[in-house]
Amino acid sequence: MNHESSALLQVRDLCVDFKLRTGPLPAVRHVSFDLAKGERMGLVGESGAGKSVTGFALLNLVSKPGHIASGSILFEGQDLVALSPEAMRQIRGNRIAMIFQDPMMTLNPVLTIGTQMVETLQAHFPMSTAEAEAWAREKRRQVAIPSPEKGRRQ
């Protein structure tokens, strides 16, 4: 199926390297795909195959000494590789997100899930704490988290 005209996300010839003293270490090589609105895609491969690095590259979160060596990542026609950190922050978590393999990388065990949801909502949308709490409570209810009302801010 050709998604060229309807692709929400277009990745073309993505290459990610890690700069080492001995020279570049290729981590991701020539990844290309299209993803249309409403489609889902999973990356499957052995440990060390580059799945997480590809995900981090899509969000422009590859940590040094890693870097996107070549290729393009077009989201709604906009090249994410060329965006400033501030412009990327407006998209990341708001329009594009990643579910990490290890929840300890993303969730703070000291804070309730509700508090973390409210903080994320308020970082991206102009809403009151009460509005954010109501939205977060409803989403917890929709995914059948027991006692969704207990995830509110303390």
N, C-alpha and C. Protein backbone atom coordinates (compact mmCIF):
# COMPACT_ATOMS: atom_id res chain seq x y z
N MET A 1 0.84 -1.18 0.00
CA MET A 1 0.00 0.00 0.00
C MET A 1 0.89 1.24 0.00
N ASN A 2 0.65 2.16 -0.88
CA ASN A 2 1.47 3.37 -0.98
C ASN A 2 0.86 4.47 -0.11
N HIS A 3 1.62 4.90 0.90
CA HIS A 3 1.15 5.94 1.81
C HIS A 3 1.82 7.28 1.50
N GLU A 4 2.49 7.39 0.38
CA GLU A 4 3.27 8.58 0.07
C GLU A 4 2.47 9.86 0.29
N SER A 5 1.23 9.91 -0.22
CA SER A 5 0.44 11.14 -0.11
C SER A 5 -0.26 11.24 1.24
N SER A 6 -0.52 10.11 1.93
CA SER A 6 -1.26 10.15 3.18
C SER A 6 -0.38 9.89 4.40
N ALA A 7 0.92 9.80 4.20
CA ALA A 7 1.80 9.47 5.31
C ALA A 7 1.86 10.60 6.33
N LEU A 8 1.65 10.25 7.57
CA LEU A 8 1.81 11.18 8.67
C LEU A 8 3.29 11.28 9.03
N LEU A 9 3.95 10.13 8.97
CA LEU A 9 5.38 10.04 9.29
C LEU A 9 6.08 9.33 8.15
N GLN A 10 7.13 9.97 7.64
CA GLN A 10 7.94 9.37 6.57
C GLN A 10 9.40 9.36 7.03
N VAL A 11 9.95 8.19 7.13
CA VAL A 11 11.36 8.04 7.50
C VAL A 11 12.08 7.55 6.26
N ARG A 12 13.14 8.26 5.89
CA ARG A 12 13.88 7.93 4.67
C ARG A 12 15.36 7.78 4.96
N ASP A 13 15.86 6.57 4.72
CA ASP A 13 17.29 6.28 4.76
C ASP A 13 17.95 6.76 6.06
N LEU A 14 17.29 6.52 7.17
CA LEU A 14 17.78 6.96 8.48
C LEU A 14 19.02 6.16 8.89
N CYS A 15 20.07 6.87 9.23
CA CYS A 15 21.31 6.27 9.73
C CYS A 15 21.70 6.98 11.02
N VAL A 16 22.02 6.21 12.05
CA VAL A 16 22.45 6.77 13.33
C VAL A 16 23.80 6.15 13.67
N ASP A 17 24.74 7.01 14.01
CA ASP A 17 26.09 6.57 14.40
C ASP A 17 26.39 7.01 15.82
N PHE A 18 27.34 6.33 16.43
CA PHE A 18 27.91 6.75 17.70
C PHE A 18 29.39 7.06 17.45
N LYS A 19 29.79 8.28 17.77
CA LYS A 19 31.19 8.69 17.56
C LYS A 19 32.06 8.12 18.66
N LEU A 20 33.00 7.29 18.26
CA LEU A 20 33.96 6.72 19.19
C LEU A 20 35.35 7.20 18.81
N ARG A 21 36.30 7.06 19.72
CA ARG A 21 37.68 7.46 19.39
C ARG A 21 38.23 6.68 18.20
N THR A 22 37.76 5.47 18.03
CA THR A 22 38.23 4.62 16.93
C THR A 22 37.49 4.88 15.62
N GLY A 23 36.48 5.77 15.68
CA GLY A 23 35.70 6.08 14.48
C GLY A 23 34.23 5.85 14.73
N PRO A 24 33.40 6.12 13.73
CA PRO A 24 31.95 5.97 13.92
C PRO A 24 31.52 4.51 14.05
N LEU A 25 30.61 4.28 14.98
CA LEU A 25 30.03 2.96 15.16
C LEU A 25 28.59 3.03 14.66
N PRO A 26 28.29 2.35 13.54
CA PRO A 26 26.92 2.38 13.01
C PRO A 26 25.95 1.65 13.93
N ALA A 27 24.85 2.32 14.28
CA ALA A 27 23.84 1.70 15.14
C ALA A 27 22.55 1.41 14.37
N VAL A 28 22.19 2.28 13.46
CA VAL A 28 21.00 2.12 12.63
C VAL A 28 21.43 2.43 11.20
N ARG A 29 21.02 1.59 10.27
CA ARG A 29 21.45 1.77 8.88
C ARG A 29 20.28 1.69 7.92
N HIS A 30 20.05 2.76 7.19
CA HIS A 30 19.13 2.83 6.03
C HIS A 30 17.71 2.36 6.36
N VAL A 31 17.16 2.88 7.45
CA VAL A 31 15.78 2.56 7.82
C VAL A 31 14.85 3.51 7.09
N SER A 32 13.85 2.94 6.43
CA SER A 32 12.84 3.72 5.71
C SER A 32 11.48 3.09 5.93
N PHE A 33 10.48 3.93 6.20
CA PHE A 33 9.10 3.47 6.29
C PHE A 33 8.17 4.67 6.26
N ASP A 34 6.90 4.41 5.97
CA ASP A 34 5.83 5.39 6.03
C ASP A 34 4.82 4.90 7.04
N LEU A 35 4.20 5.83 7.73
CA LEU A 35 3.16 5.50 8.68
C LEU A 35 2.02 6.50 8.47
N ALA A 36 0.85 5.98 8.11
CA ALA A 36 -0.32 6.84 7.89
C ALA A 36 -1.04 7.09 9.20
N LYS A 37 -1.82 8.14 9.25
CA LYS A 37 -2.61 8.45 10.45
C LYS A 37 -3.49 7.25 10.76
N GLY A 38 -3.51 6.85 12.03
CA GLY A 38 -4.32 5.72 12.47
C GLY A 38 -3.62 4.38 12.37
N GLU A 39 -2.51 4.32 11.66
CA GLU A 39 -1.76 3.05 11.57
C GLU A 39 -0.90 2.88 12.80
N ARG A 40 -0.58 1.64 13.07
CA ARG A 40 0.35 1.30 14.15
C ARG A 40 1.45 0.45 13.55
N MET A 41 2.62 0.58 14.14
CA MET A 41 3.75 -0.19 13.64
C MET A 41 4.59 -0.61 14.84
N GLY A 42 5.10 -1.80 14.78
CA GLY A 42 6.02 -2.28 15.81
C GLY A 42 7.37 -2.56 15.20
N LEU A 43 8.42 -2.28 15.95
CA LEU A 43 9.78 -2.63 15.53
C LEU A 43 10.17 -3.90 16.28
N VAL A 44 10.60 -4.89 15.54
CA VAL A 44 10.94 -6.18 16.12
C VAL A 44 12.36 -6.52 15.73
N GLY A 45 13.11 -7.05 16.66
CA GLY A 45 14.47 -7.48 16.36
C GLY A 45 15.18 -7.94 17.62
N GLU A 46 16.35 -8.49 17.41
CA GLU A 46 17.15 -8.97 18.53
C GLU A 46 17.62 -7.82 19.38
N SER A 47 18.03 -8.12 20.59
CA SER A 47 18.63 -7.13 21.47
C SER A 47 19.84 -6.53 20.77
N GLY A 48 19.94 -5.23 20.76
CA GLY A 48 21.07 -4.56 20.12
C GLY A 48 20.89 -4.30 18.64
N ALA A 49 19.68 -4.60 18.11
CA ALA A 49 19.45 -4.44 16.67
C ALA A 49 19.20 -2.98 16.26
N GLY A 50 18.92 -2.10 17.23
CA GLY A 50 18.70 -0.69 16.92
C GLY A 50 17.27 -0.22 17.06
N LYS A 51 16.41 -1.02 17.66
CA LYS A 51 15.00 -0.63 17.83
C LYS A 51 14.87 0.63 18.68
N SER A 52 15.48 0.63 19.84
CA SER A 52 15.38 1.79 20.73
C SER A 52 16.08 3.00 20.14
N VAL A 53 17.22 2.80 19.52
CA VAL A 53 17.94 3.93 18.90
C VAL A 53 17.09 4.54 17.79
N THR A 54 16.40 3.71 17.03
CA THR A 54 15.50 4.23 16.00
C THR A 54 14.39 5.06 16.63
N GLY A 55 13.79 4.56 17.70
CA GLY A 55 12.75 5.31 18.41
C GLY A 55 13.26 6.63 18.95
N PHE A 56 14.44 6.60 19.57
CA PHE A 56 15.03 7.84 20.08
C PHE A 56 15.31 8.82 18.94
N ALA A 57 15.75 8.31 17.79
CA ALA A 57 16.02 9.18 16.64
C ALA A 57 14.74 9.85 16.16
N LEU A 58 13.62 9.12 16.14
CA LEU A 58 12.35 9.70 15.70
C LEU A 58 11.94 10.88 16.56
N LEU A 59 12.31 10.83 17.83
CA LEU A 59 11.98 11.91 18.77
C LEU A 59 13.12 12.91 18.92
N ASN A 60 14.18 12.71 18.14
CA ASN A 60 15.37 13.56 18.22
C ASN A 60 15.94 13.56 19.63
N LEU A 61 16.03 12.37 20.22
CA LEU A 61 16.53 12.20 21.58
C LEU A 61 17.78 11.31 21.65
N VAL A 62 18.47 11.15 20.55
CA VAL A 62 19.69 10.33 20.57
C VAL A 62 20.73 11.06 21.40
N SER A 63 21.23 10.40 22.45
CA SER A 63 22.20 11.03 23.35
C SER A 63 23.60 10.95 22.77
N LYS A 64 24.40 11.96 23.07
CA LYS A 64 25.80 11.97 22.66
C LYS A 64 26.49 10.79 23.32
N PRO A 65 27.37 10.12 22.67
CA PRO A 65 28.04 10.47 21.42
C PRO A 65 27.28 10.06 20.16
N GLY A 66 26.00 9.68 20.33
CA GLY A 66 25.20 9.30 19.17
C GLY A 66 24.70 10.52 18.42
N HIS A 67 24.41 10.33 17.15
CA HIS A 67 23.84 11.41 16.34
C HIS A 67 23.21 10.81 15.08
N ILE A 68 22.24 11.53 14.55
CA ILE A 68 21.65 11.14 13.27
C ILE A 68 22.65 11.50 12.20
N ALA A 69 23.22 10.50 11.55
CA ALA A 69 24.28 10.72 10.57
C ALA A 69 23.71 11.15 9.22
N SER A 70 22.56 10.60 8.86
CA SER A 70 21.94 10.97 7.58
C SER A 70 20.51 10.48 7.56
N GLY A 71 19.79 10.96 6.56
CA GLY A 71 18.40 10.56 6.39
C GLY A 71 17.47 11.68 6.81
N SER A 72 16.19 11.42 6.65
CA SER A 72 15.19 12.41 7.03
C SER A 72 14.05 11.75 7.78
N ILE A 73 13.44 12.55 8.66
CA ILE A 73 12.28 12.12 9.43
C ILE A 73 11.25 13.23 9.24
N LEU A 74 10.27 12.96 8.39
CA LEU A 74 9.24 13.95 8.10
C LEU A 74 7.97 13.62 8.86
N PHE A 75 7.52 14.55 9.67
CA PHE A 75 6.27 14.41 10.41
C PHE A 75 5.35 15.52 9.92
N GLU A 76 4.23 15.13 9.33
CA GLU A 76 3.31 16.10 8.72
C GLU A 76 4.06 17.02 7.76
N GLY A 77 5.05 16.44 7.04
CA GLY A 77 5.82 17.18 6.06
C GLY A 77 6.95 18.01 6.62
N GLN A 78 7.10 18.07 7.94
CA GLN A 78 8.14 18.87 8.59
C GLN A 78 9.31 17.98 8.97
N ASP A 79 10.53 18.39 8.60
CA ASP A 79 11.72 17.59 8.88
C ASP A 79 12.12 17.75 10.35
N LEU A 80 11.91 16.73 11.14
CA LEU A 80 12.21 16.78 12.57
C LEU A 80 13.70 16.89 12.85
N VAL A 81 14.52 16.37 11.96
CA VAL A 81 15.97 16.42 12.16
C VAL A 81 16.46 17.87 12.17
N ALA A 82 15.81 18.73 11.40
CA ALA A 82 16.25 20.12 11.26
C ALA A 82 15.66 21.05 12.33
N LEU A 83 14.75 20.57 13.17
CA LEU A 83 14.10 21.44 14.14
C LEU A 83 15.01 21.82 15.29
N SER A 84 14.78 23.00 15.84
CA SER A 84 15.50 23.45 17.04
C SER A 84 15.01 22.62 18.23
N PRO A 85 15.81 22.57 19.30
CA PRO A 85 15.36 21.84 20.49
C PRO A 85 14.01 22.34 21.01
N GLU A 86 13.78 23.65 20.99
CA GLU A 86 12.50 24.21 21.47
C GLU A 86 11.34 23.77 20.59
N ALA A 87 11.52 23.83 19.28
CA ALA A 87 10.46 23.41 18.36
C ALA A 87 10.17 21.92 18.53
N MET A 88 11.21 21.13 18.75
CA MET A 88 11.02 19.69 18.95
C MET A 88 10.29 19.42 20.25
N ARG A 89 10.56 20.21 21.30
CA ARG A 89 9.85 20.03 22.58
C ARG A 89 8.35 20.27 22.43
N GLN A 90 7.96 21.15 21.51
CA GLN A 90 6.54 21.42 21.28
C GLN A 90 5.84 20.21 20.64
N ILE A 91 6.59 19.42 19.90
CA ILE A 91 6.04 18.24 19.22
C ILE A 91 6.13 17.00 20.10
N ARG A 92 7.26 16.84 20.76
CA ARG A 92 7.52 15.64 21.56
C ARG A 92 6.58 15.60 22.77
N GLY A 93 5.90 14.49 22.93
CA GLY A 93 4.98 14.31 24.04
C GLY A 93 3.61 14.90 23.78
N ASN A 94 3.53 15.78 22.79
CA ASN A 94 2.28 16.41 22.43
C ASN A 94 1.72 15.77 21.16
N ARG A 95 2.53 15.69 20.13
CA ARG A 95 2.12 15.13 18.83
C ARG A 95 2.75 13.76 18.57
N ILE A 96 3.93 13.53 19.14
CA ILE A 96 4.64 12.26 18.97
C ILE A 96 5.11 11.81 20.35
N ALA A 97 4.96 10.54 20.64
CA ALA A 97 5.42 10.01 21.92
C ALA A 97 5.96 8.60 21.71
N MET A 98 6.71 8.13 22.67
CA MET A 98 7.29 6.80 22.61
C MET A 98 6.98 6.09 23.92
N ILE A 99 6.60 4.83 23.82
CA ILE A 99 6.41 4.01 25.01
C ILE A 99 7.72 3.24 25.20
N PHE A 100 8.44 3.58 26.26
CA PHE A 100 9.75 2.98 26.49
C PHE A 100 9.62 1.56 27.00
N GLN A 101 10.64 0.76 26.73
CA GLN A 101 10.64 -0.63 27.18
C GLN A 101 10.68 -0.72 28.69
N ASP A 102 11.42 0.18 29.32
CA ASP A 102 11.64 0.14 30.75
C ASP A 102 10.87 1.29 31.41
N PRO A 103 9.77 0.99 32.13
CA PRO A 103 8.99 2.07 32.73
C PRO A 103 9.79 2.90 33.74
N MET A 104 10.86 2.35 34.30
CA MET A 104 11.67 3.11 35.24
C MET A 104 12.39 4.27 34.56
N MET A 105 12.49 4.23 33.22
CA MET A 105 13.10 5.34 32.48
C MET A 105 12.14 6.52 32.38
N THR A 106 10.84 6.28 32.52
CA THR A 106 9.88 7.34 32.25
C THR A 106 8.99 7.68 33.43
N LEU A 107 8.72 6.73 34.31
CA LEU A 107 7.82 6.99 35.42
C LEU A 107 8.61 7.15 36.71
N ASN A 108 8.22 8.12 37.51
CA ASN A 108 8.86 8.36 38.79
C ASN A 108 8.08 7.59 39.85
N PRO A 109 8.69 6.58 40.48
CA PRO A 109 7.95 5.76 41.44
C PRO A 109 7.52 6.52 42.69
N VAL A 110 8.05 7.71 42.92
CA VAL A 110 7.70 8.50 44.09
C VAL A 110 6.40 9.28 43.88
N LEU A 111 6.06 9.54 42.61
CA LEU A 111 4.86 10.31 42.28
C LEU A 111 3.77 9.39 41.75
N THR A 112 2.51 9.76 42.01
CA THR A 112 1.41 8.96 41.46
C THR A 112 1.38 9.12 39.95
N ILE A 113 0.77 8.15 39.27
CA ILE A 113 0.61 8.23 37.82
C ILE A 113 -0.25 9.45 37.47
N GLY A 114 -1.22 9.75 38.31
CA GLY A 114 -2.07 10.91 38.08
C GLY A 114 -1.28 12.21 38.10
N THR A 115 -0.40 12.35 39.06
CA THR A 115 0.44 13.55 39.15
C THR A 115 1.31 13.68 37.90
N GLN A 116 1.89 12.57 37.45
CA GLN A 116 2.74 12.61 36.28
C GLN A 116 1.95 12.92 35.01
N MET A 117 0.73 12.40 34.93
CA MET A 117 -0.12 12.71 33.77
C MET A 117 -0.49 14.19 33.76
N VAL A 118 -0.85 14.73 34.92
CA VAL A 118 -1.24 16.15 35.02
C VAL A 118 -0.06 17.04 34.64
N GLU A 119 1.13 16.73 35.15
CA GLU A 119 2.31 17.54 34.82
C GLU A 119 2.59 17.53 33.31
N THR A 120 2.45 16.37 32.68
CA THR A 120 2.68 16.27 31.24
C THR A 120 1.63 17.06 30.47
N LEU A 121 0.38 16.93 30.86
CA LEU A 121 -0.69 17.69 30.19
C LEU A 121 -0.45 19.19 30.29
N GLN A 122 -0.12 19.65 31.48
CA GLN A 122 0.06 21.09 31.68
C GLN A 122 1.33 21.61 31.00
N ALA A 123 2.28 20.73 30.74
CA ALA A 123 3.48 21.15 30.01
C ALA A 123 3.18 21.39 28.53
N HIS A 124 2.13 20.75 28.02
CA HIS A 124 1.84 20.83 26.58
C HIS A 124 0.54 21.56 26.23
N PHE A 125 -0.37 21.69 27.19
CA PHE A 125 -1.67 22.29 26.89
C PHE A 125 -2.01 23.34 27.94
N PRO A 126 -2.63 24.43 27.51
CA PRO A 126 -3.05 25.44 28.49
C PRO A 126 -4.33 24.98 29.20
N MET A 127 -4.18 24.30 30.33
CA MET A 127 -5.34 23.83 31.08
C MET A 127 -5.08 23.97 32.56
N SER A 128 -6.18 24.14 33.29
CA SER A 128 -6.07 24.26 34.75
C SER A 128 -5.74 22.89 35.34
N THR A 129 -5.32 22.92 36.59
CA THR A 129 -5.03 21.67 37.29
C THR A 129 -6.29 20.81 37.38
N ALA A 130 -7.43 21.44 37.65
CA ALA A 130 -8.69 20.67 37.75
C ALA A 130 -9.03 20.02 36.42
N GLU A 131 -8.85 20.73 35.30
CA GLU A 131 -9.14 20.16 33.98
C GLU A 131 -8.19 19.00 33.68
N ALA A 132 -6.91 19.19 33.98
CA ALA A 132 -5.92 18.14 33.72
C ALA A 132 -6.20 16.91 34.58
N GLU A 133 -6.56 17.13 35.85
CA GLU A 133 -6.87 16.01 36.74
C GLU A 133 -8.08 15.24 36.24
N ALA A 134 -9.11 15.95 35.79
CA ALA A 134 -10.32 15.29 35.27
C ALA A 134 -9.99 14.47 34.03
N TRP A 135 -9.19 15.02 33.13
CA TRP A 135 -8.80 14.31 31.91
C TRP A 135 -8.00 13.06 32.27
N ALA A 136 -7.02 13.21 33.16
CA ALA A 136 -6.17 12.09 33.55
C ALA A 136 -6.99 11.00 34.24
N ARG A 137 -7.92 11.41 35.10
CA ARG A 137 -8.79 10.43 35.78
C ARG A 137 -9.63 9.65 34.77
N GLU A 138 -10.19 10.34 33.78
CA GLU A 138 -11.00 9.68 32.75
C GLU A 138 -10.16 8.70 31.94
N LYS A 139 -8.94 9.07 31.58
CA LYS A 139 -8.07 8.16 30.81
C LYS A 139 -7.70 6.94 31.64
N ARG A 140 -7.44 7.12 32.92
CA ARG A 140 -7.16 5.96 33.78
C ARG A 140 -8.37 5.04 33.86
N ARG A 141 -9.57 5.63 33.92
CA ARG A 141 -10.80 4.83 33.94
C ARG A 141 -10.96 4.07 32.63
N GLN A 142 -10.66 4.72 31.49
CA GLN A 142 -10.83 4.08 30.18
C GLN A 142 -9.92 2.87 29.99
N VAL A 143 -8.76 2.87 30.61
CA VAL A 143 -7.85 1.73 30.47
C VAL A 143 -7.95 0.78 31.66
N ALA A 144 -9.03 0.94 32.45
CA ALA A 144 -9.38 0.03 33.55
C ALA A 144 -8.33 -0.03 34.65
N ILE A 145 -7.70 1.10 34.95
CA ILE A 145 -6.82 1.16 36.12
C ILE A 145 -7.73 1.17 37.35
N PRO A 146 -7.52 0.26 38.28
CA PRO A 146 -8.38 0.20 39.47
C PRO A 146 -8.35 1.52 40.24
N SER A 147 -9.49 1.95 40.72
CA SER A 147 -9.63 3.17 41.53
C SER A 147 -8.96 4.38 40.88
N PRO A 148 -9.41 4.77 39.68
CA PRO A 148 -8.75 5.87 38.98
C PRO A 148 -8.77 7.19 39.76
N GLU A 149 -9.72 7.32 40.67
CA GLU A 149 -9.80 8.55 41.47
C GLU A 149 -8.65 8.66 42.45
N LYS A 150 -7.96 7.56 42.76
CA LYS A 150 -6.85 7.59 43.71
C LYS A 150 -5.54 8.08 43.09
N GLY A 151 -5.52 8.32 41.79
CA GLY A 151 -4.29 8.78 41.15
C GLY A 151 -4.16 10.29 41.14
N ARG A 152 -5.05 10.99 41.86
CA ARG A 152 -5.01 12.45 41.83
C ARG A 152 -3.85 13.00 42.66
N ARG A 153 -3.58 14.27 42.42
CA ARG A 153 -2.49 14.96 43.13
C ARG A 153 -2.80 15.02 44.63
N GLN A 154 -1.80 14.92 45.40
CA GLN A 154 -1.95 14.99 46.87
C GLN A 154 -1.59 16.37 47.37
